[in-house]
Amino acid sequence: MNYFIYRILRKTRFILAYVHSFAMGWVKREQYSHIKNFCMFIGYPRSGHSLIAALLDAHPEVVMGMEWGVIPHLEMGYNKNQIIHSLVNNSRQFRKKENNTWTGYSYRVEGQWQGCYQQIRVIGDKLGGRTSLLIQEDPSVIERMKKSLGYPIKWIHVIRNPFDIITTMTRRRLEKQNAWSENADPEELISSISAYFKRVEAVSWFRGKSQQDIIDVYHEDFIACPEKELKRLIEFLGLDASPDYLASCSSIVYEKPHRSRELIRWTPELIQQVEERKNLYEFLKRYHYDS
């Protein structure tokens, strides 16, 4: 396709989406009048955000978008009602996907409220890894977001073993280049290590801002005790969780965390590098290559 035509079509799609969301957001504004909190993820790619967001979206009073991108759309000039309507639509569209599939895994929760709602009291978006970088690039975006949305923002920080995240980041990157194999050069991990700790630094800075309302969720703990951890999350958002909701959600959680680190050979030097760097952060000290 001619690049000029592509840009015209892209601009046209943006204008149509902007106008539609503006109109529908205003028309349905009364439906959104019960919202009390806005929910955002912060953290790292490949850490379990998708699972948790899908389970939250199954709650009758929660709507969660899947990587719609609240911050970029705020920068494009979207107002509060436009954002809310777009997130509701994003959640509905994800629900329509076959088995709620995302990154090859089905997040469908039978008998619950994914893609729909009784009454929205919490709404949010899952874009954890990218959000960390956006905030690091421009910290003032936090206050602009609070002012534009007008809701308290609840932040969910999902934490997973760094060795698993770094390995999966490496695998995804090489797969896009058709260069992935289990015999991949360990040096391919180096750029992923750097990218991972760039996000860790951003999160550490963010956590240091005392006014942020943030909860830590360890991926491994969530897998081991999904009902307990999900109930803790729901309460953090200011809601109640019924036994039926918790049981339905926990039924789709995999039995144990995937040890992605075993998919590539880690050299002792790279292991030591990650061990030393992650020990600088209290929330990562529990992790080791062999744990």
C-alpha atoms as a PDB file:
ATOM      1  CA  MET A   1       0.000   0.000   0.000  1.00  0.00           C
ATOM      2  CA  ASN A   2       1.213   3.466  -0.870  1.00  0.00           C
ATOM      3  CA  TYR A   3       2.522   5.122   2.305  1.00  0.00           C
ATOM      4  CA  PHE A   4       0.592   8.329   1.609  1.00  0.00           C
ATOM      5  CA  ILE A   5      -2.689   6.409   1.301  1.00  0.00           C
ATOM      6  CA  TYR A   6      -1.858   4.450   4.450  1.00  0.00           C
ATOM      7  CA  ARG A   7      -1.411   7.688   6.413  1.00  0.00           C
ATOM      8  CA  ILE A   8      -4.700   9.085   5.111  1.00  0.00           C
ATOM      9  CA  LEU A   9      -6.561   5.907   6.086  1.00  0.00           C
ATOM     10  CA  ARG A  10      -4.922   5.871   9.500  1.00  0.00           C
ATOM     11  CA  LYS A  11      -5.842   9.512  10.129  1.00  0.00           C
ATOM     12  CA  THR A  12      -9.397   8.850   8.956  1.00  0.00           C
ATOM     13  CA  ARG A  13      -9.770   5.899  11.343  1.00  0.00           C
ATOM     14  CA  PHE A  14      -8.508   8.048  14.206  1.00  0.00           C
ATOM     15  CA  ILE A  15     -10.970  10.855  13.418  1.00  0.00           C
ATOM     16  CA  LEU A  16     -13.897   8.438  13.149  1.00  0.00           C
ATOM     17  CA  ALA A  17     -12.957   6.720  16.425  1.00  0.00           C
ATOM     18  CA  TYR A  18     -12.535  10.084  18.143  1.00  0.00           C
ATOM     19  CA  VAL A  19     -15.908  11.413  16.977  1.00  0.00           C
ATOM     20  CA  HIS A  20     -17.716   8.156  17.778  1.00  0.00           C
ATOM     21  CA  SER A  21     -16.246   7.920  21.284  1.00  0.00           C
ATOM     22  CA  PHE A  22     -17.019  11.602  21.923  1.00  0.00           C
ATOM     23  CA  ALA A  23     -20.669  11.181  20.940  1.00  0.00           C
ATOM     24  CA  MET A  24     -21.256   7.837  22.659  1.00  0.00           C
ATOM     25  CA  GLY A  25     -19.353   8.861  25.769  1.00  0.00           C
ATOM     26  CA  TRP A  26     -21.670  11.846  26.159  1.00  0.00           C
ATOM     27  CA  VAL A  27     -24.838   9.835  25.411  1.00  0.00           C
ATOM     28  CA  LYS A  28     -23.941   7.123  27.943  1.00  0.00           C
ATOM     29  CA  ARG A  29     -22.433   9.376  30.591  1.00  0.00           C
ATOM     30  CA  GLU A  30     -25.189   8.533  33.105  1.00  0.00           C
ATOM     31  CA  GLN A  31     -24.261   4.841  32.882  1.00  0.00           C
ATOM     32  CA  TYR A  32     -20.773   5.784  34.031  1.00  0.00           C
ATOM     33  CA  SER A  33     -21.854   7.948  36.971  1.00  0.00           C
ATOM     34  CA  HIS A  34     -21.278   5.203  39.576  1.00  0.00           C
ATOM     35  CA  ILE A  35     -17.549   4.812  38.894  1.00  0.00           C
ATOM     36  CA  LYS A  36     -15.486   5.284  42.059  1.00  0.00           C
ATOM     37  CA  ASN A  37     -11.959   4.188  41.120  1.00  0.00           C
ATOM     38  CA  PHE A  38      -9.731   3.929  38.069  1.00  0.00           C
ATOM     39  CA  CYS A  39      -7.381   0.939  37.850  1.00  0.00           C
ATOM     40  CA  MET A  40      -4.006   0.831  36.100  1.00  0.00           C
ATOM     41  CA  PHE A  41      -1.260  -1.778  35.862  1.00  0.00           C
ATOM     42  CA  ILE A  42       2.400  -0.915  36.219  1.00  0.00           C
ATOM     43  CA  GLY A  43       5.334  -3.266  35.845  1.00  0.00           C
ATOM     44  CA  TYR A  44       6.889  -5.424  33.168  1.00  0.00           C
ATOM     45  CA  PRO A  45       5.885  -7.340  30.039  1.00  0.00           C
ATOM     46  CA  ARG A  46       5.265 -11.088  30.277  1.00  0.00           C
ATOM     47  CA  SER A  47       4.529 -10.932  34.001  1.00  0.00           C
ATOM     48  CA  GLY A  48       0.912 -12.113  34.206  1.00  0.00           C
ATOM     49  CA  HIS A  49      -1.008  -8.865  33.671  1.00  0.00           C
ATOM     50  CA  SER A  50      -3.311 -10.427  31.075  1.00  0.00           C
ATOM     51  CA  LEU A  51      -4.574 -13.152  33.404  1.00  0.00           C
ATOM     52  CA  ILE A  52      -5.277 -10.781  36.279  1.00  0.00           C
ATOM     53  CA  ALA A  53      -6.928  -8.170  34.045  1.00  0.00           C
ATOM     54  CA  ALA A  54      -9.202 -10.804  32.502  1.00  0.00           C
ATOM     55  CA  LEU A  55     -10.250 -12.053  35.941  1.00  0.00           C
ATOM     56  CA  LEU A  56     -10.973  -8.523  37.140  1.00  0.00           C
ATOM     57  CA  ASP A  57     -13.048  -7.948  33.999  1.00  0.00           C
ATOM     58  CA  ALA A  58     -15.177 -10.951  35.015  1.00  0.00           C
ATOM     59  CA  HIS A  59     -16.395  -9.057  38.103  1.00  0.00           C
ATOM     60  CA  PRO A  60     -19.894  -7.536  37.659  1.00  0.00           C
ATOM     61  CA  GLU A  61     -18.698  -4.089  38.781  1.00  0.00           C
ATOM     62  CA  VAL A  62     -15.371  -3.951  36.931  1.00  0.00           C
ATOM     63  CA  VAL A  63     -14.505  -3.183  33.307  1.00  0.00           C
ATOM     64  CA  MET A  64     -10.911  -3.753  32.192  1.00  0.00           C
ATOM     65  CA  GLY A  65      -9.560  -2.828  28.795  1.00  0.00           C
ATOM     66  CA  MET A  66      -6.840  -4.983  27.271  1.00  0.00           C
ATOM     67  CA  GLU A  67      -3.940  -2.756  26.196  1.00  0.00           C
ATOM     68  CA  TRP A  68      -6.151   0.036  24.867  1.00  0.00           C
ATOM     69  CA  GLY A  69      -3.705   2.691  26.057  1.00  0.00           C
ATOM     70  CA  VAL A  70      -5.186   5.287  28.413  1.00  0.00           C
ATOM     71  CA  ILE A  71      -2.100   7.509  28.599  1.00  0.00           C
ATOM     72  CA  PRO A  72      -1.533   7.751  24.810  1.00  0.00           C
ATOM     73  CA  HIS A  73      -5.218   8.560  24.262  1.00  0.00           C
ATOM     74  CA  LEU A  74      -5.142  11.253  26.942  1.00  0.00           C
ATOM     75  CA  GLU A  75      -2.245  12.785  25.026  1.00  0.00           C
ATOM     76  CA  MET A  76      -4.410  12.654  21.885  1.00  0.00           C
ATOM     77  CA  GLY A  77      -7.037  14.799  23.605  1.00  0.00           C
ATOM     78  CA  TYR A  78      -9.576  12.192  24.697  1.00  0.00           C
ATOM     79  CA  ASN A  79     -11.783  13.342  27.579  1.00  0.00           C
ATOM     80  CA  LYS A  80     -13.002  11.254  30.518  1.00  0.00           C
ATOM     81  CA  ASN A  81     -16.233   9.999  28.938  1.00  0.00           C
ATOM     82  CA  GLN A  82     -14.444   9.148  25.694  1.00  0.00           C
ATOM     83  CA  ILE A  83     -11.917   7.070  27.605  1.00  0.00           C
ATOM     84  CA  ILE A  84     -14.560   5.262  29.634  1.00  0.00           C
ATOM     85  CA  HIS A  85     -16.674   4.463  26.584  1.00  0.00           C
ATOM     86  CA  SER A  86     -13.617   3.261  24.664  1.00  0.00           C
ATOM     87  CA  LEU A  87     -12.552   0.966  27.514  1.00  0.00           C
ATOM     88  CA  VAL A  88     -16.064  -0.492  27.757  1.00  0.00           C
ATOM     89  CA  ASN A  89     -16.017  -1.142  24.015  1.00  0.00           C
ATOM     90  CA  ASN A  90     -12.494  -2.603  24.197  1.00  0.00           C
ATOM     91  CA  SER A  91     -13.582  -5.009  26.948  1.00  0.00           C
ATOM     92  CA  ARG A  92     -16.617  -6.051  24.901  1.00  0.00           C
ATOM     93  CA  GLN A  93     -14.533  -6.669  21.784  1.00  0.00           C
ATOM     94  CA  PHE A  94     -12.024  -8.782  23.704  1.00  0.00           C
ATOM     95  CA  ARG A  95     -14.897 -10.866  25.076  1.00  0.00           C
ATOM     96  CA  LYS A  96     -16.052 -11.552  21.525  1.00  0.00           C
ATOM     97  CA  LYS A  97     -12.694 -13.027  20.587  1.00  0.00           C
ATOM     98  CA  GLU A  98     -12.762 -16.817  20.482  1.00  0.00           C
ATOM     99  CA  ASN A  99     -12.307 -18.057  24.060  1.00  0.00           C
ATOM    100  CA  ASN A 100     -10.971 -14.640  25.127  1.00  0.00           C
ATOM    101  CA  THR A 101      -7.611 -15.699  23.722  1.00  0.00           C
ATOM    102  CA  TRP A 102      -4.568 -13.501  24.367  1.00  0.00           C
ATOM    103  CA  THR A 103      -0.959 -14.548  23.709  1.00  0.00           C
ATOM    104  CA  GLY A 104      -2.149 -18.091  23.008  1.00  0.00           C
ATOM    105  CA  TYR A 105      -3.935 -18.593  26.328  1.00  0.00           C
ATOM    106  CA  SER A 106      -7.704 -18.575  26.921  1.00  0.00           C
ATOM    107  CA  TYR A 107      -8.907 -16.229  29.653  1.00  0.00           C
ATOM    108  CA  ARG A 108     -12.608 -17.049  29.304  1.00  0.00           C
ATOM    109  CA  VAL A 109     -14.409 -17.310  32.660  1.00  0.00           C
ATOM    110  CA  GLU A 110     -17.723 -19.129  32.271  1.00  0.00           C
ATOM    111  CA  GLY A 111     -20.817 -17.668  33.893  1.00  0.00           C
ATOM    112  CA  GLN A 112     -19.272 -14.334  34.853  1.00  0.00           C
ATOM    113  CA  TRP A 113     -19.250 -10.784  33.488  1.00  0.00           C
ATOM    114  CA  GLN A 114     -16.391 -10.454  31.013  1.00  0.00           C
ATOM    115  CA  GLY A 115     -17.272  -7.875  28.380  1.00  0.00           C
ATOM    116  CA  CYS A 116     -20.389  -6.685  30.226  1.00  0.00           C
ATOM    117  CA  TYR A 117     -21.376  -5.376  33.630  1.00  0.00           C
ATOM    118  CA  GLN A 118     -24.164  -4.819  36.146  1.00  0.00           C
ATOM    119  CA  GLN A 119     -22.929  -1.405  37.239  1.00  0.00           C
ATOM    120  CA  ILE A 120     -19.441  -0.009  36.672  1.00  0.00           C
ATOM    121  CA  ARG A 121     -17.729   0.989  39.902  1.00  0.00           C
ATOM    122  CA  VAL A 122     -14.142   0.357  38.773  1.00  0.00           C
ATOM    123  CA  ILE A 123     -12.745   0.758  35.263  1.00  0.00           C
ATOM    124  CA  GLY A 124      -9.214   0.473  33.980  1.00  0.00           C
ATOM    125  CA  ASP A 125      -6.705  -0.683  31.409  1.00  0.00           C
ATOM    126  CA  LYS A 126      -4.017  -3.355  31.195  1.00  0.00           C
ATOM    127  CA  LEU A 127      -0.831  -1.892  29.739  1.00  0.00           C
ATOM    128  CA  GLY A 128       1.668  -2.529  32.513  1.00  0.00           C
ATOM    129  CA  GLY A 129       5.041  -2.728  30.811  1.00  0.00           C
ATOM    130  CA  ARG A 130       4.451   0.192  28.465  1.00  0.00           C
ATOM    131  CA  THR A 131       2.924   2.312  31.251  1.00  0.00           C
ATOM    132  CA  SER A 132       6.146   2.049  33.272  1.00  0.00           C
ATOM    133  CA  LEU A 133       8.157   3.513  30.396  1.00  0.00           C
ATOM    134  CA  LEU A 134       5.625   6.251  29.645  1.00  0.00           C
ATOM    135  CA  ILE A 135       5.741   7.410  33.266  1.00  0.00           C
ATOM    136  CA  GLN A 136       9.531   7.279  33.300  1.00  0.00           C
ATOM    137  CA  GLU A 137       9.679   9.381  30.128  1.00  0.00           C
ATOM    138  CA  ASP A 138       7.254  11.956  31.513  1.00  0.00           C
ATOM    139  CA  PRO A 139       6.432  11.705  35.256  1.00  0.00           C
ATOM    140  CA  SER A 140       4.005  14.626  34.997  1.00  0.00           C
ATOM    141  CA  VAL A 141       1.607  12.378  33.085  1.00  0.00           C
ATOM    142  CA  ILE A 142       0.441  10.926  36.430  1.00  0.00           C
ATOM    143  CA  GLU A 143      -0.998  14.222  37.632  1.00  0.00           C
ATOM    144  CA  ARG A 144      -2.465  14.990  34.212  1.00  0.00           C
ATOM    145  CA  MET A 145      -4.186  11.624  34.236  1.00  0.00           C
ATOM    146  CA  LYS A 146      -5.635  12.199  37.721  1.00  0.00           C
ATOM    147  CA  LYS A 147      -6.902  15.628  36.703  1.00  0.00           C
ATOM    148  CA  SER A 148      -8.413  14.443  33.409  1.00  0.00           C
ATOM    149  CA  LEU A 149     -10.107  11.349  34.819  1.00  0.00           C
ATOM    150  CA  GLY A 150     -11.235  12.815  38.122  1.00  0.00           C
ATOM    151  CA  TYR A 151     -11.041   9.468  39.947  1.00  0.00           C
ATOM    152  CA  PRO A 152      -8.620   8.039  42.500  1.00  0.00           C
ATOM    153  CA  ILE A 153      -6.188   5.770  40.629  1.00  0.00           C
ATOM    154  CA  LYS A 154      -5.493   2.294  41.997  1.00  0.00           C
ATOM    155  CA  TRP A 155      -2.211   0.836  40.728  1.00  0.00           C
ATOM    156  CA  ILE A 156      -1.552  -2.906  40.433  1.00  0.00           C
ATOM    157  CA  HIS A 157       2.112  -3.946  40.378  1.00  0.00           C
ATOM    158  CA  VAL A 158       2.470  -7.556  39.188  1.00  0.00           C
ATOM    159  CA  ILE A 159       5.851  -9.087  40.023  1.00  0.00           C
ATOM    160  CA  ARG A 160       7.319 -12.284  38.559  1.00  0.00           C
ATOM    161  CA  ASN A 161      10.699 -13.997  38.646  1.00  0.00           C
ATOM    162  CA  PRO A 162      13.037 -11.722  36.635  1.00  0.00           C
ATOM    163  CA  PHE A 163      14.735 -14.676  34.953  1.00  0.00           C
ATOM    164  CA  ASP A 164      11.399 -15.842  33.525  1.00  0.00           C
ATOM    165  CA  ILE A 165      10.416 -12.375  32.324  1.00  0.00           C
ATOM    166  CA  ILE A 166      13.790 -11.696  30.697  1.00  0.00           C
ATOM    167  CA  THR A 167      13.775 -15.065  28.948  1.00  0.00           C
ATOM    168  CA  THR A 168      10.267 -14.543  27.589  1.00  0.00           C
ATOM    169  CA  MET A 169      11.112 -11.028  26.426  1.00  0.00           C
ATOM    170  CA  THR A 170      14.079 -12.497  24.556  1.00  0.00           C
ATOM    171  CA  ARG A 171      12.023 -15.278  23.040  1.00  0.00           C
ATOM    172  CA  ARG A 172       9.282 -12.929  21.797  1.00  0.00           C
ATOM    173  CA  ARG A 173      11.832 -10.604  20.234  1.00  0.00           C
ATOM    174  CA  LEU A 174      13.641 -13.424  18.436  1.00  0.00           C
ATOM    175  CA  GLU A 175      10.377 -15.016  17.304  1.00  0.00           C
ATOM    176  CA  LYS A 176       9.467 -11.769  15.557  1.00  0.00           C
ATOM    177  CA  GLN A 177      12.789 -12.063  13.720  1.00  0.00           C
ATOM    178  CA  ASN A 178      12.224 -15.777  12.983  1.00  0.00           C
ATOM    179  CA  ALA A 179      15.443 -16.386  14.909  1.00  0.00           C
ATOM    180  CA  TRP A 180      14.261 -18.179  18.047  1.00  0.00           C
ATOM    181  CA  SER A 181      15.496 -21.627  19.060  1.00  0.00           C
ATOM    182  CA  GLU A 182      16.358 -23.265  22.353  1.00  0.00           C
ATOM    183  CA  ASN A 183      19.979 -23.084  21.206  1.00  0.00           C
ATOM    184  CA  ALA A 184      19.830 -19.301  20.977  1.00  0.00           C
ATOM    185  CA  ASP A 185      22.993 -17.458  21.933  1.00  0.00           C
ATOM    186  CA  PRO A 186      22.823 -16.478  25.648  1.00  0.00           C
ATOM    187  CA  GLU A 187      24.119 -13.043  24.637  1.00  0.00           C
ATOM    188  CA  GLU A 188      20.653 -12.416  23.200  1.00  0.00           C
ATOM    189  CA  LEU A 189      19.564 -12.055  26.830  1.00  0.00           C
ATOM    190  CA  ILE A 190      21.696  -8.950  27.363  1.00  0.00           C
ATOM    191  CA  SER A 191      19.400  -6.435  25.671  1.00  0.00           C
ATOM    192  CA  SER A 192      16.387  -7.926  27.454  1.00  0.00           C
ATOM    193  CA  ILE A 193      18.160  -7.623  30.808  1.00  0.00           C
ATOM    194  CA  SER A 194      18.727  -3.946  30.105  1.00  0.00           C
ATOM    195  CA  ALA A 195      15.122  -3.392  28.990  1.00  0.00           C
ATOM    196  CA  TYR A 196      13.763  -5.207  32.039  1.00  0.00           C
ATOM    197  CA  PHE A 197      15.770  -3.225  34.569  1.00  0.00           C
ATOM    198  CA  LYS A 198      14.844   0.026  32.837  1.00  0.00           C
ATOM    199  CA  ARG A 199      11.265  -0.772  33.785  1.00  0.00           C
ATOM    200  CA  VAL A 200      12.302  -1.854  37.287  1.00  0.00           C
ATOM    201  CA  GLU A 201      13.948   1.534  37.802  1.00  0.00           C
ATOM    202  CA  ALA A 202      10.766   3.272  36.647  1.00  0.00           C
ATOM    203  CA  VAL A 203       8.616   1.223  39.019  1.00  0.00           C
ATOM    204  CA  SER A 204      11.000   1.802  41.923  1.00  0.00           C
ATOM    205  CA  TRP A 205      10.810   5.557  41.354  1.00  0.00           C
ATOM    206  CA  PHE A 206       7.033   5.363  41.098  1.00  0.00           C
ATOM    207  CA  ARG A 207       6.687   3.357  44.320  1.00  0.00           C
ATOM    208  CA  GLY A 208       8.732   5.992  46.099  1.00  0.00           C
ATOM    209  CA  LYS A 209       6.019   8.558  45.487  1.00  0.00           C
ATOM    210  CA  SER A 210       4.064   8.200  48.734  1.00  0.00           C
ATOM    211  CA  GLN A 211       0.803   9.500  47.319  1.00  0.00           C
ATOM    212  CA  GLN A 212       0.410   6.550  44.941  1.00  0.00           C
ATOM    213  CA  ASP A 213      -2.142   3.884  45.927  1.00  0.00           C
ATOM    214  CA  ILE A 214      -0.380   0.697  44.827  1.00  0.00           C
ATOM    215  CA  ILE A 215      -0.630  -3.019  45.603  1.00  0.00           C
ATOM    216  CA  ASP A 216       2.037  -5.656  44.945  1.00  0.00           C
ATOM    217  CA  VAL A 217       0.855  -8.949  43.447  1.00  0.00           C
ATOM    218  CA  TYR A 218       3.410 -11.734  43.146  1.00  0.00           C
ATOM    219  CA  HIS A 219       2.651 -13.894  40.126  1.00  0.00           C
ATOM    220  CA  GLU A 220       3.758 -17.073  41.881  1.00  0.00           C
ATOM    221  CA  ASP A 221       1.566 -16.344  44.924  1.00  0.00           C
ATOM    222  CA  PHE A 222      -1.399 -15.637  42.670  1.00  0.00           C
ATOM    223  CA  ILE A 223      -0.988 -18.978  40.898  1.00  0.00           C
ATOM    224  CA  ALA A 224      -0.632 -20.845  44.194  1.00  0.00           C
ATOM    225  CA  CYS A 225      -3.643 -19.208  45.919  1.00  0.00           C
ATOM    226  CA  PRO A 226      -5.805 -17.561  43.243  1.00  0.00           C
ATOM    227  CA  GLU A 227      -8.955 -17.112  45.341  1.00  0.00           C
ATOM    228  CA  LYS A 228      -7.081 -15.525  48.233  1.00  0.00           C
ATOM    229  CA  GLU A 229      -5.045 -13.203  46.018  1.00  0.00           C
ATOM    230  CA  LEU A 230      -7.975 -12.234  43.798  1.00  0.00           C
ATOM    231  CA  LYS A 231     -10.100 -11.437  46.851  1.00  0.00           C
ATOM    232  CA  ARG A 232      -7.271  -9.238  48.138  1.00  0.00           C
ATOM    233  CA  LEU A 233      -7.193  -7.409  44.803  1.00  0.00           C
ATOM    234  CA  ILE A 234     -10.948  -6.900  44.682  1.00  0.00           C
ATOM    235  CA  GLU A 235     -10.932  -5.499  48.217  1.00  0.00           C
ATOM    236  CA  PHE A 236      -8.075  -3.172  47.254  1.00  0.00           C
ATOM    237  CA  LEU A 237     -10.339  -1.816  44.507  1.00  0.00           C
ATOM    238  CA  GLY A 238     -13.063  -1.157  47.091  1.00  0.00           C
ATOM    239  CA  LEU A 239     -15.404  -3.963  46.033  1.00  0.00           C
ATOM    240  CA  ASP A 240     -16.740  -7.275  47.325  1.00  0.00           C
ATOM    241  CA  ALA A 241     -16.067 -10.675  45.738  1.00  0.00           C
ATOM    242  CA  SER A 242     -18.715 -13.401  45.810  1.00  0.00           C
ATOM    243  CA  PRO A 243     -17.662 -17.035  46.408  1.00  0.00           C
ATOM    244  CA  ASP A 244     -19.069 -17.949  42.984  1.00  0.00           C
ATOM    245  CA  TYR A 245     -16.989 -15.286  41.253  1.00  0.00           C
ATOM    246  CA  LEU A 246     -13.807 -16.322  43.049  1.00  0.00           C
ATOM    247  CA  ALA A 247     -14.370 -20.023  42.316  1.00  0.00           C
ATOM    248  CA  SER A 248     -15.105 -19.444  38.626  1.00  0.00           C
ATOM    249  CA  CYS A 249     -12.026 -17.274  38.183  1.00  0.00           C
ATOM    250  CA  SER A 250      -9.680 -19.593  40.055  1.00  0.00           C
ATOM    251  CA  SER A 251     -10.792 -22.511  37.863  1.00  0.00           C
ATOM    252  CA  ILE A 252      -8.976 -21.101  34.808  1.00  0.00           C
ATOM    253  CA  VAL A 253      -5.690 -20.317  36.568  1.00  0.00           C
ATOM    254  CA  TYR A 254      -2.886 -22.652  35.516  1.00  0.00           C
ATOM    255  CA  GLU A 255      -1.564 -25.074  38.125  1.00  0.00           C
ATOM    256  CA  LYS A 256       1.955 -23.697  38.437  1.00  0.00           C
ATOM    257  CA  PRO A 257       4.090 -20.869  37.031  1.00  0.00           C
ATOM    258  CA  HIS A 258       5.911 -21.575  33.792  1.00  0.00           C
ATOM    259  CA  ARG A 259       9.690 -21.665  34.315  1.00  0.00           C
ATOM    260  CA  SER A 260      10.502 -19.825  31.099  1.00  0.00           C
ATOM    261  CA  ARG A 261      14.126 -19.361  32.176  1.00  0.00           C
ATOM    262  CA  GLU A 262      14.751 -23.007  31.215  1.00  0.00           C
ATOM    263  CA  LEU A 263      14.047 -22.261  27.543  1.00  0.00           C
ATOM    264  CA  ILE A 264      17.498 -20.763  26.992  1.00  0.00           C
ATOM    265  CA  ARG A 265      20.954 -21.357  28.442  1.00  0.00           C
ATOM    266  CA  TRP A 266      21.842 -18.770  31.064  1.00  0.00           C
ATOM    267  CA  THR A 267      25.569 -18.376  31.617  1.00  0.00           C
ATOM    268  CA  PRO A 268      26.862 -18.048  35.200  1.00  0.00           C
ATOM    269  CA  GLU A 269      27.965 -14.494  34.396  1.00  0.00           C
ATOM    270  CA  LEU A 270      24.517 -13.404  33.251  1.00  0.00           C
ATOM    271  CA  ILE A 271      22.879 -15.088  36.230  1.00  0.00           C
ATOM    272  CA  GLN A 272      25.228 -13.249  38.560  1.00  0.00           C
ATOM    273  CA  GLN A 273      24.539  -9.951  36.815  1.00  0.00           C
ATOM    274  CA  VAL A 274      20.782 -10.292  37.285  1.00  0.00           C
ATOM    275  CA  GLU A 275      21.190 -11.512  40.882  1.00  0.00           C
ATOM    276  CA  GLU A 276      23.233  -8.443  41.774  1.00  0.00           C
ATOM    277  CA  ARG A 277      20.954  -5.975  40.043  1.00  0.00           C
ATOM    278  CA  LYS A 278      17.664  -7.369  41.339  1.00  0.00           C
ATOM    279  CA  ASN A 279      18.985  -7.379  44.921  1.00  0.00           C
ATOM    280  CA  LEU A 280      19.020  -3.588  44.778  1.00  0.00           C
ATOM    281  CA  TYR A 281      15.205  -3.682  44.900  1.00  0.00           C
ATOM    282  CA  GLU A 282      13.402  -4.964  47.976  1.00  0.00           C
ATOM    283  CA  PHE A 283      10.425  -6.282  46.014  1.00  0.00           C
ATOM    284  CA  LEU A 284      12.704  -8.540  43.909  1.00  0.00           C
ATOM    285  CA  LYS A 285      14.929  -9.984  46.632  1.00  0.00           C
ATOM    286  CA  ARG A 286      12.831 -13.137  47.055  1.00  0.00           C
ATOM    287  CA  TYR A 287      13.753 -14.308  43.550  1.00  0.00           C
ATOM    288  CA  HIS A 288      16.707 -16.401  42.390  1.00  0.00           C
ATOM    289  CA  TYR A 289      17.532 -18.331  39.246  1.00  0.00           C
ATOM    290  CA  ASP A 290      17.106 -21.671  41.031  1.00  0.00           C
ATOM    291  CA  SER A 291      14.023 -20.749  43.069  1.00  0.00           C
END
